[in-house]
Amino acid sequence: MKIKVKTSFAFAYDGVRVVRYIPGIYDVSDRCGKLAIAEGWAIKHVKKSKKVG
């Protein structure tokens, strides 16, 4: 899942490996992405397609 982080946060993968995220765009696990979105730390990132024609 690709997210756009608005507020810095840390996520513990498997309860062991802690990764800190700062504002930006990241490719994360579904579990991390869903938690970050639910808590308001991030939004789902949708790549804008280029208009053709």
N, C-alpha and C. Protein backbone atom coordinates (compact mmCIF):
# COMPACT_ATOMS: atom_id res chain seq x y z
N MET A 1 0.85 -1.17 0.00
CA MET A 1 0.00 0.00 0.00
C MET A 1 0.90 1.23 0.00
N LYS A 2 0.52 2.22 -0.77
CA LYS A 2 1.29 3.46 -0.83
C LYS A 2 0.54 4.53 -0.04
N ILE A 3 1.25 5.18 0.88
CA ILE A 3 0.63 6.22 1.70
C ILE A 3 1.44 7.51 1.62
N LYS A 4 0.74 8.60 1.93
CA LYS A 4 1.40 9.91 2.05
C LYS A 4 1.32 10.30 3.52
N VAL A 5 2.46 10.30 4.19
CA VAL A 5 2.52 10.60 5.62
C VAL A 5 2.41 12.10 5.83
N LYS A 6 1.47 12.49 6.73
CA LYS A 6 1.26 13.89 7.07
C LYS A 6 1.93 14.23 8.40
N THR A 7 1.93 13.27 9.33
CA THR A 7 2.48 13.46 10.67
C THR A 7 3.45 12.32 10.98
N SER A 8 4.62 12.63 11.47
CA SER A 8 5.61 11.59 11.79
C SER A 8 5.04 10.56 12.76
N PHE A 9 5.41 9.31 12.54
CA PHE A 9 5.00 8.23 13.44
C PHE A 9 5.98 7.08 13.33
N ALA A 10 5.90 6.15 14.28
CA ALA A 10 6.74 4.95 14.26
C ALA A 10 5.83 3.74 14.20
N PHE A 11 6.27 2.69 13.51
CA PHE A 11 5.50 1.46 13.40
C PHE A 11 6.43 0.28 13.68
N ALA A 12 5.98 -0.66 14.51
CA ALA A 12 6.79 -1.82 14.85
C ALA A 12 6.35 -3.02 14.02
N TYR A 13 7.13 -3.35 12.99
CA TYR A 13 6.83 -4.52 12.17
C TYR A 13 7.10 -5.77 12.99
N ASP A 14 6.14 -6.66 13.04
CA ASP A 14 6.23 -7.91 13.81
C ASP A 14 6.51 -7.64 15.29
N GLY A 15 6.21 -6.43 15.73
CA GLY A 15 6.42 -6.09 17.13
C GLY A 15 7.88 -5.98 17.54
N VAL A 16 8.78 -5.99 16.54
CA VAL A 16 10.21 -5.99 16.86
C VAL A 16 10.95 -4.85 16.16
N ARG A 17 10.87 -4.83 14.85
CA ARG A 17 11.63 -3.87 14.05
C ARG A 17 10.84 -2.56 13.92
N VAL A 18 11.31 -1.52 14.59
CA VAL A 18 10.62 -0.23 14.58
C VAL A 18 11.15 0.63 13.43
N VAL A 19 10.20 1.14 12.64
CA VAL A 19 10.54 2.03 11.53
C VAL A 19 9.85 3.36 11.77
N ARG A 20 10.62 4.43 11.66
CA ARG A 20 10.06 5.77 11.84
C ARG A 20 9.79 6.39 10.48
N TYR A 21 8.61 6.97 10.34
CA TYR A 21 8.21 7.61 9.09
C TYR A 21 8.05 9.11 9.32
N ILE A 22 8.59 9.89 8.42
CA ILE A 22 8.43 11.34 8.44
C ILE A 22 7.58 11.72 7.22
N PRO A 23 7.04 12.94 7.17
CA PRO A 23 6.20 13.30 6.03
C PRO A 23 6.86 12.99 4.69
N GLY A 24 6.07 12.35 3.85
CA GLY A 24 6.54 11.93 2.53
C GLY A 24 5.67 10.80 2.02
N ILE A 25 6.09 10.19 0.93
CA ILE A 25 5.34 9.10 0.32
C ILE A 25 6.12 7.80 0.50
N TYR A 26 5.43 6.76 0.98
CA TYR A 26 6.06 5.48 1.28
C TYR A 26 5.22 4.31 0.78
N ASP A 27 5.88 3.22 0.48
CA ASP A 27 5.23 1.96 0.19
C ASP A 27 5.36 1.13 1.47
N VAL A 28 4.23 0.83 2.12
CA VAL A 28 4.24 0.14 3.41
C VAL A 28 3.34 -1.09 3.36
N SER A 29 3.39 -1.89 4.41
CA SER A 29 2.51 -3.05 4.50
C SER A 29 1.06 -2.57 4.65
N ASP A 30 0.12 -3.43 4.31
CA ASP A 30 -1.30 -3.07 4.46
C ASP A 30 -1.63 -2.74 5.91
N ARG A 31 -1.08 -3.51 6.84
CA ARG A 31 -1.36 -3.29 8.26
C ARG A 31 -0.87 -1.91 8.71
N CYS A 32 0.34 -1.56 8.32
CA CYS A 32 0.89 -0.25 8.68
C CYS A 32 0.07 0.86 8.03
N GLY A 33 -0.24 0.71 6.75
CA GLY A 33 -1.00 1.73 6.04
C GLY A 33 -2.37 1.95 6.62
N LYS A 34 -3.08 0.87 6.93
CA LYS A 34 -4.42 0.98 7.50
C LYS A 34 -4.39 1.67 8.86
N LEU A 35 -3.40 1.33 9.69
CA LEU A 35 -3.27 1.96 11.00
C LEU A 35 -2.97 3.45 10.86
N ALA A 36 -2.02 3.79 9.99
CA ALA A 36 -1.64 5.20 9.81
C ALA A 36 -2.82 6.02 9.30
N ILE A 37 -3.59 5.46 8.40
CA ILE A 37 -4.77 6.17 7.87
C ILE A 37 -5.84 6.31 8.95
N ALA A 38 -6.10 5.24 9.69
CA ALA A 38 -7.11 5.26 10.75
C ALA A 38 -6.77 6.27 11.85
N GLU A 39 -5.48 6.40 12.15
CA GLU A 39 -5.05 7.33 13.20
C GLU A 39 -4.91 8.77 12.70
N GLY A 40 -5.03 8.97 11.38
CA GLY A 40 -4.93 10.32 10.83
C GLY A 40 -3.51 10.77 10.56
N TRP A 41 -2.56 9.84 10.63
CA TRP A 41 -1.16 10.19 10.40
C TRP A 41 -0.84 10.26 8.91
N ALA A 42 -1.66 9.59 8.09
CA ALA A 42 -1.38 9.51 6.66
C ALA A 42 -2.69 9.40 5.88
N ILE A 43 -2.57 9.58 4.59
CA ILE A 43 -3.68 9.35 3.68
C ILE A 43 -3.21 8.37 2.60
N LYS A 44 -4.15 7.70 1.97
CA LYS A 44 -3.78 6.77 0.91
C LYS A 44 -3.29 7.60 -0.28
N HIS A 45 -2.17 7.19 -0.83
CA HIS A 45 -1.58 7.91 -1.96
C HIS A 45 -2.08 7.30 -3.26
N VAL A 46 -2.66 8.15 -4.09
CA VAL A 46 -3.15 7.71 -5.39
C VAL A 46 -2.36 8.48 -6.43
N LYS A 47 -1.65 7.74 -7.27
CA LYS A 47 -0.87 8.38 -8.32
C LYS A 47 -1.81 8.99 -9.34
N LYS A 48 -1.59 10.25 -9.64
CA LYS A 48 -2.41 10.93 -10.63
C LYS A 48 -1.93 10.54 -12.02
N SER A 49 -2.89 10.16 -12.85
CA SER A 49 -2.53 9.78 -14.21
C SER A 49 -2.46 11.00 -15.10
N LYS A 50 -1.59 10.92 -16.09
CA LYS A 50 -1.45 12.03 -17.02
C LYS A 50 -2.57 11.98 -18.04
N LYS A 51 -3.10 13.14 -18.38
CA LYS A 51 -4.15 13.21 -19.39
C LYS A 51 -3.50 13.08 -20.77
N VAL A 52 -4.09 12.27 -21.60
CA VAL A 52 -3.59 12.05 -22.94
C VAL A 52 -4.55 12.70 -23.92
N GLY A 53 -3.99 13.42 -24.87
CA GLY A 53 -4.83 13.97 -25.92
C GLY A 53 -5.00 15.39 -25.81
